[in-house]
Amino acid sequence: MAHSARTRRLTLRAAQATFAVALVLLCPANPSVVAGQGSGATVFSDSGLEPQLSRIFDEIEKNRLDNALSLTEGLLKQYPTFRLAHLIKGDILLARSMPLSTFGNVSNAPPDKLADLRDEAIARLKAYRNRSAAMEYVPRYLMQMPPDQKYAVVVDTQKARLYLYQNDTASGRPRFVADYYISHGKLGADKTREGDKRTPTGVYHVTSSLSPKKVGDFYGSGAFPINYPNEWDKRQGRNGHGIWLHGTPSDTYSRPPKASDGCVVLSNADLEALAKNLQIGLTPVIISNSIEWLSFDDWQNERRTLNKAIETWRSDWESKDIDRYLRHYSKNFRSSDQDLEQYAKQKRQVNASKDWIKIKLSNLSMFRDPGKDELVVVTFEQDYQSNNLNNQMKKRQYWIREDGAWKIIFEGAA
């Protein structure tokens, strides 16, 4: 009798340990709260349900399965359609009586569905427990945000994560606010054509807001289309349409990391939290395969160098020295309807009628494209004045590194 009880206790401890190893070693914990970015404050991430999920895994790691079960049931009470939590609950119950060889021990479940849930668990916990880069460094892409742009969105498809940054106008530095789990294209990123089931990578902007009534239950709490294909995509021959940030159906809390036809998909709760910070026509959505992080000093240097190039371009335009002005344009420059030769000819003709030119730029933004080209999307309000013409417009340029210098490769109305 005593021997049997002792054997059961040993079996239970072995089951707990095996289960802990199966889950936790996949997602080793790092400190999730770090000092605020130069402000002296502590930054906490609004990461949806990840904090609760992490606590459950911590309890499992410490072999406190009763606590883990209680927390999981609490999570399911909040989010009854969260399938991953149902799987975790089933494993915890099984671990009380038998050793578990892996995460997800449901014998009669389709293998592909179990694989999807395992992938989701790993993506959620790895990103949540290793967020120090998002808090300590700056995404390379957020070079400069204009004063009226309150937030920026950066998506990392490899980590299945969306990061929200606030425009800290006092310091000029993007400040980390929150991060959320996302799903993206079934076949990954780098979209090139219609129907390829990939998510585009590049610099985009939110163009509109679509209500749940307009888009239907499949899109959950609504949708925010982005401007794919942008000017650079079109130049590269990329096509397709209908790339949105959107939610999930009412019977689904979340989807696997690779589950959409190209859209970026959040849980409805996370989309609703994010939506409060999106400005139609203003908020950038930068989608990358893997985010490049910079120290504050390196970020400042990159930003300063391009700002100087833009200011020199503006000054050379005012000088009426057409050769100095044109040297800022790439040999591969194209506007919507002109190549460099045609553009230069037009500018020489226009400049011949000018006695003076004054150019003022305001609300300037600079967002680096995450692709392989050293490309930056620059947008600003342009106030042009001369002796015979006054004009105001919102302009967008694409600057690229060419022969070691920044050059304009595209220019047009934003």
Protein backbone atom coordinates (compact mmCIF):
# COMPACT_ATOMS: atom_id res chain seq x y z
CA MET A 1 0.00 0.00 0.00
CA ALA A 2 2.74 2.47 1.00
CA HIS A 3 4.86 1.29 -1.89
CA SER A 4 1.95 1.87 -4.32
CA ALA A 5 1.31 5.42 -3.01
CA ARG A 6 5.02 6.23 -3.29
CA THR A 7 5.06 4.95 -6.87
CA ARG A 8 2.05 7.13 -7.74
CA ARG A 9 3.76 10.19 -6.26
CA LEU A 10 6.94 9.50 -8.23
CA THR A 11 4.93 8.96 -11.40
CA LEU A 12 3.09 12.25 -10.83
CA ARG A 13 6.33 14.17 -10.27
CA ALA A 14 7.79 12.60 -13.43
CA ALA A 15 4.67 13.57 -15.40
CA GLN A 16 4.89 17.13 -14.12
CA ALA A 17 8.60 17.42 -14.89
CA THR A 18 8.21 15.96 -18.37
CA PHE A 19 5.33 18.31 -19.10
CA ALA A 20 7.29 21.29 -17.82
CA VAL A 21 10.25 20.42 -20.01
CA ALA A 22 8.00 19.91 -23.05
CA LEU A 23 6.50 23.36 -22.66
CA VAL A 24 8.94 25.67 -20.98
CA LEU A 25 12.24 24.75 -22.62
CA LEU A 26 10.74 25.84 -25.92
CA CYS A 27 10.32 29.39 -24.56
CA PRO A 28 12.97 30.25 -21.95
CA ALA A 29 11.99 33.22 -19.84
CA ASN A 30 13.85 36.51 -19.96
CA PRO A 31 13.01 39.53 -17.81
CA SER A 32 9.93 41.09 -19.39
CA VAL A 33 10.09 44.52 -17.76
CA VAL A 34 13.01 46.84 -18.36
CA ALA A 35 13.89 50.44 -17.63
CA GLY A 36 11.97 52.95 -19.72
CA GLN A 37 13.78 54.37 -22.71
CA GLY A 38 15.87 57.08 -21.14
CA SER A 39 12.94 58.48 -19.17
CA GLY A 40 13.67 56.74 -15.87
CA ALA A 41 10.19 55.19 -15.95
CA THR A 42 9.39 51.49 -16.15
CA VAL A 43 7.65 50.36 -19.31
CA PHE A 44 5.03 47.62 -19.21
CA SER A 45 3.71 45.98 -22.34
CA ASP A 46 0.01 45.70 -23.04
CA SER A 47 0.42 42.30 -24.64
CA GLY A 48 -3.12 40.99 -24.58
CA LEU A 49 -3.37 37.69 -22.70
CA GLU A 50 0.35 36.81 -22.87
CA PRO A 51 1.03 37.83 -19.24
CA GLN A 52 -1.61 35.33 -18.07
CA LEU A 53 -0.32 32.67 -20.44
CA SER A 54 3.22 33.20 -19.19
CA ARG A 55 2.10 32.82 -15.56
CA ILE A 56 0.47 29.50 -16.42
CA PHE A 57 3.70 28.23 -17.97
CA ASP A 58 5.66 29.48 -14.96
CA GLU A 59 3.41 27.47 -12.65
CA ILE A 60 3.86 24.41 -14.83
CA GLU A 61 7.64 24.87 -14.76
CA LYS A 62 7.50 24.92 -10.95
CA ASN A 63 5.33 21.76 -10.92
CA ARG A 64 2.37 23.63 -9.43
CA LEU A 65 -0.23 22.06 -11.67
CA ASP A 66 -3.21 22.95 -9.48
CA ASN A 67 -2.29 26.64 -9.73
CA ALA A 68 -1.70 26.28 -13.47
CA LEU A 69 -5.11 24.63 -13.90
CA SER A 70 -6.85 27.35 -11.90
CA LEU A 71 -5.19 30.09 -13.98
CA THR A 72 -6.05 28.29 -17.22
CA GLU A 73 -9.70 27.97 -16.21
CA GLY A 74 -9.71 31.68 -15.37
CA LEU A 75 -8.28 32.45 -18.80
CA LEU A 76 -10.94 30.32 -20.45
CA LYS A 77 -13.65 32.12 -18.50
CA GLN A 78 -12.40 35.38 -20.03
CA TYR A 79 -11.77 33.93 -23.51
CA PRO A 80 -13.89 30.79 -23.97
CA THR A 81 -12.95 30.44 -27.67
CA PHE A 82 -9.18 30.45 -26.98
CA ARG A 83 -8.31 26.99 -28.33
CA LEU A 84 -4.72 27.05 -27.12
CA ALA A 85 -5.93 27.41 -23.52
CA HIS A 86 -8.23 24.40 -23.99
CA LEU A 87 -5.23 22.36 -25.17
CA ILE A 88 -3.15 23.47 -22.18
CA LYS A 89 -5.97 22.53 -19.80
CA GLY A 90 -6.22 19.08 -21.35
CA ASP A 91 -2.47 18.55 -20.97
CA ILE A 92 -2.50 19.67 -17.35
CA LEU A 93 -5.24 17.17 -16.53
CA LEU A 94 -3.39 14.39 -18.33
CA ALA A 95 -0.12 15.28 -16.59
CA ARG A 96 -1.69 14.42 -13.23
CA SER A 97 -1.80 10.76 -14.15
CA MET A 98 0.78 10.01 -16.83
CA PRO A 99 4.09 11.24 -18.29
CA LEU A 100 3.63 13.49 -21.33
CA SER A 101 6.11 13.30 -24.17
CA THR A 102 5.20 16.54 -25.88
CA PHE A 103 2.98 19.61 -25.74
CA GLY A 104 -0.47 18.70 -27.02
CA ASN A 105 -1.23 15.09 -26.12
CA VAL A 106 -4.75 14.78 -27.51
CA SER A 107 -4.74 11.42 -29.25
CA ASN A 108 -7.71 11.95 -31.56
CA ALA A 109 -6.97 15.51 -32.73
CA PRO A 110 -5.86 16.23 -36.32
CA PRO A 111 -2.03 16.48 -36.32
CA ASP A 112 -2.06 19.71 -38.37
CA LYS A 113 -4.36 21.43 -35.84
CA LEU A 114 -2.11 20.39 -32.95
CA ALA A 115 0.93 21.64 -34.86
CA ASP A 116 -0.82 24.99 -35.37
CA LEU A 117 -1.52 25.33 -31.65
CA ARG A 118 2.05 24.39 -30.74
CA ASP A 119 3.33 27.01 -33.18
CA GLU A 120 1.03 29.59 -31.62
CA ALA A 121 2.19 28.75 -28.09
CA ILE A 122 5.84 29.04 -29.06
CA ALA A 123 5.32 32.28 -31.01
CA ARG A 124 3.38 33.92 -28.18
CA LEU A 125 5.74 32.98 -25.38
CA LYS A 126 9.02 33.51 -27.22
CA ALA A 127 7.99 37.01 -28.26
CA TYR A 128 6.58 37.90 -24.85
CA ARG A 129 9.53 36.60 -22.85
CA ASN A 130 12.14 38.20 -25.10
CA ARG A 131 10.79 41.73 -25.52
CA SER A 132 13.77 43.64 -24.19
CA ALA A 133 14.84 44.72 -27.70
CA ALA A 134 11.47 46.37 -28.29
CA MET A 135 11.86 48.35 -25.09
CA GLU A 136 15.58 49.12 -25.06
CA TYR A 137 16.17 49.80 -28.76
CA VAL A 138 14.46 51.57 -31.68
CA PRO A 139 13.16 49.82 -34.81
CA ARG A 140 15.45 51.00 -37.60
CA TYR A 141 12.44 51.85 -39.76
CA LEU A 142 10.99 54.62 -37.55
CA MET A 143 13.49 57.30 -38.52
CA GLN A 144 11.19 60.28 -37.98
CA MET A 145 7.51 60.79 -37.20
CA PRO A 146 5.78 64.15 -37.79
CA PRO A 147 4.11 65.94 -34.84
CA ASP A 148 0.55 65.06 -35.91
CA GLN A 149 1.32 61.34 -36.20
CA LYS A 150 0.62 59.87 -32.78
CA TYR A 151 1.57 56.21 -33.26
CA ALA A 152 3.37 53.83 -35.60
CA VAL A 153 2.86 50.10 -36.14
CA VAL A 154 5.76 47.72 -36.85
CA VAL A 155 5.07 44.06 -37.70
CA ASP A 156 7.61 41.23 -37.39
CA THR A 157 6.28 38.29 -39.40
CA GLN A 158 8.92 35.80 -38.19
CA LYS A 159 7.95 36.45 -34.58
CA ALA A 160 4.22 36.72 -35.41
CA ARG A 161 4.22 40.00 -33.48
CA LEU A 162 2.92 43.53 -33.92
CA TYR A 163 4.59 46.39 -32.02
CA LEU A 164 2.99 49.75 -31.29
CA TYR A 165 5.15 52.84 -30.80
CA GLN A 166 4.08 56.26 -29.64
CA ASN A 167 5.51 59.46 -31.09
CA ASP A 168 7.25 61.02 -28.09
CA THR A 169 7.40 64.59 -29.40
CA ALA A 170 9.36 65.77 -26.34
CA SER A 171 12.34 63.50 -27.08
CA GLY A 172 11.74 62.90 -30.77
CA ARG A 173 12.12 59.19 -30.14
CA PRO A 174 9.50 56.46 -30.76
CA ARG A 175 8.39 55.06 -27.40
CA PHE A 176 7.36 51.42 -27.06
CA VAL A 177 3.74 51.07 -25.92
CA ALA A 178 2.44 47.57 -26.62
CA ASP A 179 2.90 44.38 -28.59
CA TYR A 180 0.39 41.81 -29.82
CA TYR A 181 0.38 38.32 -31.31
CA ILE A 182 -0.65 38.26 -35.00
CA SER A 183 -1.29 35.83 -37.82
CA HIS A 184 -0.01 36.50 -41.33
CA GLY A 185 0.20 34.86 -44.75
CA LYS A 186 -0.01 31.08 -45.03
CA LEU A 187 3.10 31.06 -47.23
CA GLY A 188 5.01 33.71 -45.31
CA ALA A 189 5.97 37.27 -46.25
CA ASP A 190 7.36 39.14 -49.30
CA LYS A 191 4.15 39.28 -51.31
CA THR A 192 4.68 39.79 -55.05
CA ARG A 193 1.45 38.84 -56.77
CA GLU A 194 -2.29 38.44 -56.40
CA GLY A 195 -3.29 35.24 -54.62
CA ASP A 196 0.19 34.15 -53.48
CA LYS A 197 -1.02 33.90 -49.85
CA ARG A 198 1.88 36.05 -48.63
CA THR A 199 1.97 39.21 -46.54
CA PRO A 200 3.73 42.19 -48.15
CA THR A 201 6.83 43.74 -46.61
CA GLY A 202 7.28 47.49 -46.86
CA VAL A 203 6.12 50.87 -45.60
CA TYR A 204 2.35 51.34 -45.73
CA HIS A 205 -0.31 53.57 -44.20
CA VAL A 206 -3.80 52.88 -42.86
CA THR A 207 -6.24 54.14 -45.50
CA SER A 208 -9.70 53.56 -44.00
CA SER A 209 -11.74 51.87 -41.28
CA LEU A 210 -14.32 49.21 -42.14
CA SER A 211 -17.01 48.37 -39.57
CA PRO A 212 -17.98 44.78 -38.65
CA LYS A 213 -21.37 45.31 -40.33
CA LYS A 214 -19.67 46.18 -43.59
CA VAL A 215 -17.14 43.33 -43.70
CA GLY A 216 -18.98 40.47 -41.97
CA ASP A 217 -18.19 38.12 -39.10
CA PHE A 218 -15.08 36.59 -40.69
CA TYR A 219 -13.21 39.86 -40.04
CA GLY A 220 -14.35 40.12 -36.43
CA SER A 221 -14.21 43.59 -34.89
CA GLY A 222 -13.56 45.26 -38.23
CA ALA A 223 -10.76 45.97 -40.66
CA PHE A 224 -8.19 48.64 -41.48
CA PRO A 225 -6.99 48.47 -45.11
CA ILE A 226 -3.43 49.54 -45.93
CA ASN A 227 -2.12 50.97 -49.21
CA TYR A 228 -0.58 47.84 -50.71
CA PRO A 229 0.67 48.01 -53.41
CA ASN A 230 2.43 51.31 -52.72
CA GLU A 231 4.44 53.31 -55.29
CA TRP A 232 7.56 51.21 -54.77
CA ASP A 233 5.63 47.90 -55.00
CA LYS A 234 4.16 48.97 -58.33
CA ARG A 235 7.58 49.93 -59.61
CA GLN A 236 8.84 46.45 -58.66
CA GLY A 237 5.94 44.82 -60.51
CA ARG A 238 4.17 43.64 -57.37
CA ASN A 239 0.39 43.37 -57.53
CA GLY A 240 -2.60 42.25 -55.52
CA HIS A 241 -4.99 44.11 -53.26
CA GLY A 242 -7.09 43.85 -50.10
CA ILE A 243 -4.33 43.70 -47.49
CA TRP A 244 -5.90 44.63 -44.16
CA LEU A 245 -5.35 44.61 -40.43
CA HIS A 246 -8.43 42.79 -39.15
CA GLY A 247 -9.95 40.65 -36.40
CA THR A 248 -11.19 37.06 -36.12
CA PRO A 249 -14.61 35.37 -36.42
CA SER A 250 -16.79 35.39 -33.30
CA ASP A 251 -16.16 31.65 -32.67
CA THR A 252 -12.34 32.01 -32.88
CA TYR A 253 -10.14 33.83 -30.40
CA SER A 254 -6.96 33.62 -32.49
CA ARG A 255 -5.51 31.92 -35.54
CA PRO A 256 -2.18 30.10 -36.08
CA PRO A 257 0.88 32.23 -36.92
CA LYS A 258 0.56 31.47 -40.64
CA ALA A 259 -3.14 31.39 -41.40
CA SER A 260 -4.25 34.34 -43.56
CA ASP A 261 -4.27 34.95 -47.30
CA GLY A 262 -1.90 37.89 -46.75
CA CYS A 263 -3.60 40.10 -44.16
CA VAL A 264 -2.31 40.81 -40.65
CA VAL A 265 -4.83 39.28 -38.23
CA LEU A 266 -5.23 40.08 -34.52
CA SER A 267 -7.66 38.80 -31.91
CA ASN A 268 -10.72 41.02 -31.68
CA ALA A 269 -9.70 42.23 -28.22
CA ASP A 270 -6.23 43.21 -29.47
CA LEU A 271 -7.60 44.84 -32.62
CA GLU A 272 -10.00 46.93 -30.53
CA ALA A 273 -7.11 48.05 -28.29
CA LEU A 274 -4.97 48.88 -31.32
CA ALA A 275 -7.78 50.65 -33.18
CA LYS A 276 -7.91 53.41 -30.56
CA ASN A 277 -4.45 54.50 -31.70
CA LEU A 278 -4.85 54.33 -35.49
CA GLN A 279 -5.24 57.53 -37.51
CA ILE A 280 -6.73 57.07 -40.97
CA GLY A 281 -4.33 58.31 -43.64
CA LEU A 282 -1.56 58.92 -41.11
CA THR A 283 -0.56 55.85 -39.12
CA PRO A 284 2.32 53.98 -40.77
CA VAL A 285 2.23 50.18 -40.84
CA ILE A 286 5.73 48.85 -41.49
CA ILE A 287 5.85 45.12 -42.18
CA SER A 288 9.18 43.31 -41.92
CA ASN A 289 10.38 39.71 -42.03
CA SER A 290 12.52 40.40 -38.98
CA ILE A 291 12.90 43.75 -37.24
CA GLU A 292 16.30 45.44 -37.22
CA TRP A 293 16.93 47.20 -33.90
CA LEU A 294 19.24 50.18 -33.40
CA SER A 295 20.74 51.79 -30.33
CA PHE A 296 19.57 55.33 -29.73
CA ASP A 297 22.92 56.74 -30.91
CA ASP A 298 22.94 54.75 -34.15
CA TRP A 299 19.30 55.68 -34.78
CA GLN A 300 20.11 59.35 -34.26
CA ASN A 301 23.04 59.15 -36.68
CA GLU A 302 20.97 57.56 -39.46
CA ARG A 303 18.21 60.10 -38.95
CA ARG A 304 20.64 63.04 -38.90
CA THR A 305 22.38 61.95 -42.12
CA LEU A 306 19.18 61.71 -44.15
CA ASN A 307 17.77 64.94 -42.69
CA LYS A 308 20.92 66.69 -43.85
CA ALA A 309 20.51 65.28 -47.38
CA ILE A 310 16.88 66.46 -47.53
CA GLU A 311 17.81 69.93 -46.30
CA THR A 312 20.60 70.17 -48.89
CA TRP A 313 18.11 69.18 -51.63
CA ARG A 314 15.71 71.90 -50.45
CA SER A 315 18.46 74.51 -50.30
CA ASP A 316 19.81 73.59 -53.75
CA TRP A 317 16.30 73.91 -55.19
CA GLU A 318 16.06 77.42 -53.75
CA SER A 319 19.48 78.32 -55.19
CA LYS A 320 18.15 77.94 -58.77
CA ASP A 321 21.36 76.09 -59.62
CA ILE A 322 19.69 73.34 -61.62
CA ASP A 323 22.77 71.11 -61.80
CA ARG A 324 23.20 71.18 -58.01
CA TYR A 325 19.49 70.42 -57.65
CA LEU A 326 19.49 67.51 -60.10
CA ARG A 327 22.48 65.81 -58.50
CA HIS A 328 20.11 64.74 -55.71
CA TYR A 329 18.21 62.47 -58.13
CA SER A 330 19.11 58.85 -58.83
CA LYS A 331 20.11 57.80 -62.32
CA ASN A 332 17.18 55.37 -62.01
CA PHE A 333 14.72 58.11 -60.97
CA ARG A 334 11.13 57.92 -62.11
CA SER A 335 8.09 59.96 -61.22
CA SER A 336 4.65 58.70 -62.15
CA ASP A 337 5.18 59.64 -65.82
CA GLN A 338 8.81 60.77 -66.29
CA ASP A 339 12.30 59.33 -66.17
CA LEU A 340 15.31 61.39 -65.06
CA GLU A 341 16.03 62.83 -68.51
CA GLN A 342 12.44 63.99 -69.01
CA TYR A 343 12.23 65.34 -65.46
CA ALA A 344 15.51 67.28 -65.84
CA LYS A 345 14.37 68.83 -69.14
CA GLN A 346 11.10 70.01 -67.57
CA LYS A 347 12.89 71.45 -64.52
CA ARG A 348 15.35 73.41 -66.69
CA GLN A 349 12.45 74.93 -68.60
CA VAL A 350 10.58 75.86 -65.40
CA ASN A 351 13.66 77.33 -63.71
CA ALA A 352 14.35 79.61 -66.68
CA SER A 353 11.26 81.65 -65.78
CA LYS A 354 12.14 82.05 -62.08
CA ASP A 355 13.67 85.11 -60.47
CA TRP A 356 13.54 83.51 -57.01
CA ILE A 357 12.27 80.35 -55.31
CA LYS A 358 11.41 79.72 -51.65
CA ILE A 359 10.70 76.20 -50.37
CA LYS A 360 9.37 75.36 -46.91
CA LEU A 361 9.00 71.77 -45.70
CA SER A 362 6.90 70.78 -42.67
CA ASN A 363 5.42 67.67 -41.03
CA LEU A 364 8.28 65.58 -42.36
CA SER A 365 8.29 61.81 -41.81
CA MET A 366 11.00 59.29 -42.69
CA PHE A 367 10.33 55.55 -42.63
CA ARG A 368 12.95 53.08 -43.76
CA ASP A 369 11.74 50.24 -45.95
CA PRO A 370 12.54 46.82 -44.40
CA GLY A 371 13.48 45.29 -47.75
CA LYS A 372 16.99 44.55 -48.98
CA ASP A 373 17.36 47.97 -50.68
CA GLU A 374 18.54 50.89 -48.57
CA LEU A 375 15.30 52.75 -49.19
CA VAL A 376 13.48 55.38 -47.12
CA VAL A 377 9.94 56.70 -47.65
CA VAL A 378 9.89 60.46 -46.99
CA THR A 379 6.62 62.41 -46.77
CA PHE A 380 6.15 66.12 -46.06
CA GLU A 381 4.01 69.20 -46.60
CA GLN A 382 5.65 71.37 -49.25
CA ASP A 383 5.05 75.13 -49.51
CA TYR A 384 6.48 76.36 -52.82
CA GLN A 385 6.69 80.08 -53.57
CA SER A 386 8.28 81.90 -56.51
CA ASN A 387 7.91 85.13 -58.42
CA ASN A 388 5.20 83.63 -60.65
CA LEU A 389 3.73 80.64 -58.75
CA ASN A 390 2.65 79.69 -55.23
CA ASN A 391 1.74 76.07 -54.52
CA GLN A 392 1.13 73.83 -51.49
CA MET A 393 1.05 70.05 -51.67
CA LYS A 394 1.73 66.88 -49.71
CA LYS A 395 4.69 65.17 -51.35
CA ARG A 396 6.16 61.69 -51.07
CA GLN A 397 9.68 60.77 -52.07
CA TYR A 398 11.64 57.52 -52.02
CA TRP A 399 15.33 58.04 -51.16
CA ILE A 400 17.88 55.31 -51.86
CA ARG A 401 21.59 54.86 -51.17
CA GLU A 402 23.43 55.13 -54.46
CA ASP A 403 27.23 55.28 -54.75
CA GLY A 404 27.46 56.03 -51.03
CA ALA A 405 25.03 58.98 -51.07
CA TRP A 406 21.29 59.46 -50.56
CA LYS A 407 19.44 60.03 -53.86
CA ILE A 408 15.76 60.48 -54.80
CA ILE A 409 14.51 57.55 -56.86
CA PHE A 410 10.78 58.43 -56.86
CA GLU A 411 8.82 61.63 -56.29
CA GLY A 412 5.11 62.42 -56.47
CA ALA A 413 2.03 63.63 -54.63
CA ALA A 414 1.24 61.70 -51.46
